[in-house]
Amino acid sequence: MRRGVNTVRRSKAIIALARRAPIGYDAANSENSMRGLTGVRKRSLTIAGHSTSLSLEEEFWQDLRAIARGRNLSLSALVGTIDARRQGNLSSALRLFVRDCYQRGEIGPARRG
């Protein structure tokens, strides 16, 4: 049973990072770490000539579009490059890609109100 708890904590930490949580924010211990996220959105894309559907939280879709714009790529082309080198689930690979772009400074903190 502990394994499931740790998996949830890691997932919350990844989501908090992708949402641009302040450095030092401990999402794993925050009861409110999931508040403010919009629901999962399913989108259809054509990747390498094949249609596929992906489910991601809206914040990840927004970040992927921003990264694609910054690289002068279509969203499908960006996802295609990630798909070509991934191991495992594509939705998870996309979330990790967004996290890596944030850590490298390719995308910055979300603007707040």
C-alpha atoms as a PDB file:
ATOM      1  CA  MET A   1       0.000   0.000   0.000  1.00  0.00           C
ATOM      2  CA  ARG A   2       2.890   2.424   0.677  1.00  0.00           C
ATOM      3  CA  ARG A   3       3.952   2.130  -2.940  1.00  0.00           C
ATOM      4  CA  GLY A   4       0.672   3.692  -4.071  1.00  0.00           C
ATOM      5  CA  VAL A   5       1.101   6.603  -1.657  1.00  0.00           C
ATOM      6  CA  ASN A   6       4.607   7.318  -2.963  1.00  0.00           C
ATOM      7  CA  THR A   7       3.379   7.191  -6.561  1.00  0.00           C
ATOM      8  CA  VAL A   8       0.686   9.754  -5.756  1.00  0.00           C
ATOM      9  CA  ARG A   9       3.236  11.982  -4.019  1.00  0.00           C
ATOM     10  CA  ARG A  10       5.583  11.872  -7.009  1.00  0.00           C
ATOM     11  CA  SER A  11       2.697  12.666  -9.364  1.00  0.00           C
ATOM     12  CA  LYS A  12       1.660  15.658  -7.252  1.00  0.00           C
ATOM     13  CA  ALA A  13       5.241  16.908  -7.205  1.00  0.00           C
ATOM     14  CA  ILE A  14       5.529  16.677 -11.000  1.00  0.00           C
ATOM     15  CA  ILE A  15       2.227  18.484 -11.499  1.00  0.00           C
ATOM     16  CA  ALA A  16       3.194  21.201  -9.020  1.00  0.00           C
ATOM     17  CA  LEU A  17       6.504  21.715 -10.803  1.00  0.00           C
ATOM     18  CA  ALA A  18       4.819  21.884 -14.173  1.00  0.00           C
ATOM     19  CA  ARG A  19       2.411  24.476 -12.750  1.00  0.00           C
ATOM     20  CA  ARG A  20       5.445  26.559 -11.805  1.00  0.00           C
ATOM     21  CA  ALA A  21       5.311  26.079  -8.085  1.00  0.00           C
ATOM     22  CA  PRO A  22       7.771  28.256  -6.178  1.00  0.00           C
ATOM     23  CA  ILE A  23      11.161  26.701  -5.460  1.00  0.00           C
ATOM     24  CA  GLY A  24      11.013  24.891  -2.162  1.00  0.00           C
ATOM     25  CA  TYR A  25       7.270  24.221  -2.433  1.00  0.00           C
ATOM     26  CA  ASP A  26       6.568  20.775  -1.054  1.00  0.00           C
ATOM     27  CA  ALA A  27       3.682  19.469  -3.126  1.00  0.00           C
ATOM     28  CA  ALA A  28       3.948  15.980  -1.654  1.00  0.00           C
ATOM     29  CA  ASN A  29       2.915  17.295   1.763  1.00  0.00           C
ATOM     30  CA  SER A  30       0.344  19.845   0.655  1.00  0.00           C
ATOM     31  CA  GLU A  31      -3.329  18.977   0.955  1.00  0.00           C
ATOM     32  CA  ASN A  32      -4.130  21.720  -1.553  1.00  0.00           C
ATOM     33  CA  SER A  33      -1.508  20.819  -4.165  1.00  0.00           C
ATOM     34  CA  MET A  34      -4.117  19.676  -6.677  1.00  0.00           C
ATOM     35  CA  ARG A  35      -6.437  22.665  -6.309  1.00  0.00           C
ATOM     36  CA  GLY A  36      -6.619  25.062  -9.198  1.00  0.00           C
ATOM     37  CA  LEU A  37      -5.896  22.487 -11.881  1.00  0.00           C
ATOM     38  CA  THR A  38      -8.378  22.317 -14.678  1.00  0.00           C
ATOM     39  CA  GLY A  39      -9.609  18.937 -15.758  1.00  0.00           C
ATOM     40  CA  VAL A  40      -7.946  16.529 -18.112  1.00  0.00           C
ATOM     41  CA  ARG A  41      -8.555  17.427 -21.758  1.00  0.00           C
ATOM     42  CA  LYS A  42      -8.518  14.920 -24.567  1.00  0.00           C
ATOM     43  CA  ARG A  43      -7.156  16.145 -27.904  1.00  0.00           C
ATOM     44  CA  SER A  44      -6.690  14.425 -31.244  1.00  0.00           C
ATOM     45  CA  LEU A  45      -3.430  14.925 -33.117  1.00  0.00           C
ATOM     46  CA  THR A  46      -1.823  13.480 -36.211  1.00  0.00           C
ATOM     47  CA  ILE A  47       1.632  12.142 -35.409  1.00  0.00           C
ATOM     48  CA  ALA A  48       3.801  10.626 -38.128  1.00  0.00           C
ATOM     49  CA  GLY A  49       0.750  10.312 -40.367  1.00  0.00           C
ATOM     50  CA  HIS A  50      -1.426   8.560 -37.782  1.00  0.00           C
ATOM     51  CA  SER A  51      -4.275  10.030 -35.752  1.00  0.00           C
ATOM     52  CA  THR A  52      -4.064   9.590 -32.011  1.00  0.00           C
ATOM     53  CA  SER A  53      -5.860  10.929 -28.951  1.00  0.00           C
ATOM     54  CA  LEU A  54      -4.014  12.208 -25.912  1.00  0.00           C
ATOM     55  CA  SER A  55      -5.296  13.148 -22.479  1.00  0.00           C
ATOM     56  CA  LEU A  56      -3.461  15.864 -20.529  1.00  0.00           C
ATOM     57  CA  GLU A  57      -4.360  18.583 -18.079  1.00  0.00           C
ATOM     58  CA  GLU A  58      -5.098  21.918 -19.793  1.00  0.00           C
ATOM     59  CA  GLU A  59      -1.988  23.506 -18.254  1.00  0.00           C
ATOM     60  CA  PHE A  60       0.203  20.975 -20.039  1.00  0.00           C
ATOM     61  CA  TRP A  61      -1.549  21.637 -23.360  1.00  0.00           C
ATOM     62  CA  GLN A  62      -0.937  25.371 -22.893  1.00  0.00           C
ATOM     63  CA  ASP A  63       2.730  24.813 -22.121  1.00  0.00           C
ATOM     64  CA  LEU A  64       3.180  22.472 -25.087  1.00  0.00           C
ATOM     65  CA  ARG A  65       1.631  25.078 -27.416  1.00  0.00           C
ATOM     66  CA  ALA A  66       3.965  27.757 -25.991  1.00  0.00           C
ATOM     67  CA  ILE A  67       7.014  25.528 -26.479  1.00  0.00           C
ATOM     68  CA  ALA A  68       5.951  24.670 -30.034  1.00  0.00           C
ATOM     69  CA  ARG A  69       5.503  28.388 -30.837  1.00  0.00           C
ATOM     70  CA  GLY A  70       8.910  29.174 -29.361  1.00  0.00           C
ATOM     71  CA  ARG A  71      10.508  26.502 -31.546  1.00  0.00           C
ATOM     72  CA  ASN A  72       8.497  27.480 -34.650  1.00  0.00           C
ATOM     73  CA  LEU A  73       6.855  24.047 -34.782  1.00  0.00           C
ATOM     74  CA  SER A  74       3.285  22.881 -34.970  1.00  0.00           C
ATOM     75  CA  LEU A  75       1.962  21.129 -31.885  1.00  0.00           C
ATOM     76  CA  SER A  76       1.790  17.876 -33.876  1.00  0.00           C
ATOM     77  CA  ALA A  77       5.424  18.222 -34.969  1.00  0.00           C
ATOM     78  CA  LEU A  78       6.580  18.855 -31.396  1.00  0.00           C
ATOM     79  CA  VAL A  79       4.614  15.893 -30.045  1.00  0.00           C
ATOM     80  CA  GLY A  80       5.977  13.778 -32.919  1.00  0.00           C
ATOM     81  CA  THR A  81       9.569  14.479 -31.883  1.00  0.00           C
ATOM     82  CA  ILE A  82       8.775  13.534 -28.286  1.00  0.00           C
ATOM     83  CA  ASP A  83       6.920  10.424 -29.442  1.00  0.00           C
ATOM     84  CA  ALA A  84       9.888   9.265 -31.538  1.00  0.00           C
ATOM     85  CA  ARG A  85      12.270   9.147 -28.555  1.00  0.00           C
ATOM     86  CA  ARG A  86       9.961   8.236 -25.687  1.00  0.00           C
ATOM     87  CA  GLN A  87       9.837   5.120 -23.597  1.00  0.00           C
ATOM     88  CA  GLY A  88       6.477   4.230 -22.109  1.00  0.00           C
ATOM     89  CA  ASN A  89       3.257   6.223 -22.109  1.00  0.00           C
ATOM     90  CA  LEU A  90       3.102   9.267 -24.427  1.00  0.00           C
ATOM     91  CA  SER A  91       1.059  11.420 -22.048  1.00  0.00           C
ATOM     92  CA  SER A  92       3.617  10.819 -19.300  1.00  0.00           C
ATOM     93  CA  ALA A  93       6.470  11.569 -21.705  1.00  0.00           C
ATOM     94  CA  LEU A  94       4.805  14.886 -22.598  1.00  0.00           C
ATOM     95  CA  ARG A  95       4.439  15.868 -18.934  1.00  0.00           C
ATOM     96  CA  LEU A  96       8.098  15.071 -18.290  1.00  0.00           C
ATOM     97  CA  PHE A  97       9.106  17.008 -21.409  1.00  0.00           C
ATOM     98  CA  VAL A  98       7.258  20.111 -20.145  1.00  0.00           C
ATOM     99  CA  ARG A  99       8.962  19.708 -16.768  1.00  0.00           C
ATOM    100  CA  ASP A 100      12.368  19.479 -18.443  1.00  0.00           C
ATOM    101  CA  CYS A 101      11.684  22.603 -20.536  1.00  0.00           C
ATOM    102  CA  TYR A 102      10.775  24.475 -17.370  1.00  0.00           C
ATOM    103  CA  GLN A 103      13.910  23.315 -15.584  1.00  0.00           C
ATOM    104  CA  ARG A 104      16.087  24.386 -18.544  1.00  0.00           C
ATOM    105  CA  GLY A 105      14.395  27.803 -18.604  1.00  0.00           C
ATOM    106  CA  GLU A 106      12.760  27.360 -22.007  1.00  0.00           C
ATOM    107  CA  ILE A 107       9.441  28.275 -20.419  1.00  0.00           C
ATOM    108  CA  GLY A 108       9.085  30.407 -17.324  1.00  0.00           C
ATOM    109  CA  PRO A 109       6.717  30.845 -14.424  1.00  0.00           C
ATOM    110  CA  ALA A 110       3.081  31.422 -15.274  1.00  0.00           C
ATOM    111  CA  ARG A 111       1.961  35.021 -15.033  1.00  0.00           C
ATOM    112  CA  ARG A 112      -0.239  35.578 -12.042  1.00  0.00           C
ATOM    113  CA  GLY A 113      -3.292  37.859 -11.981  1.00  0.00           C
END
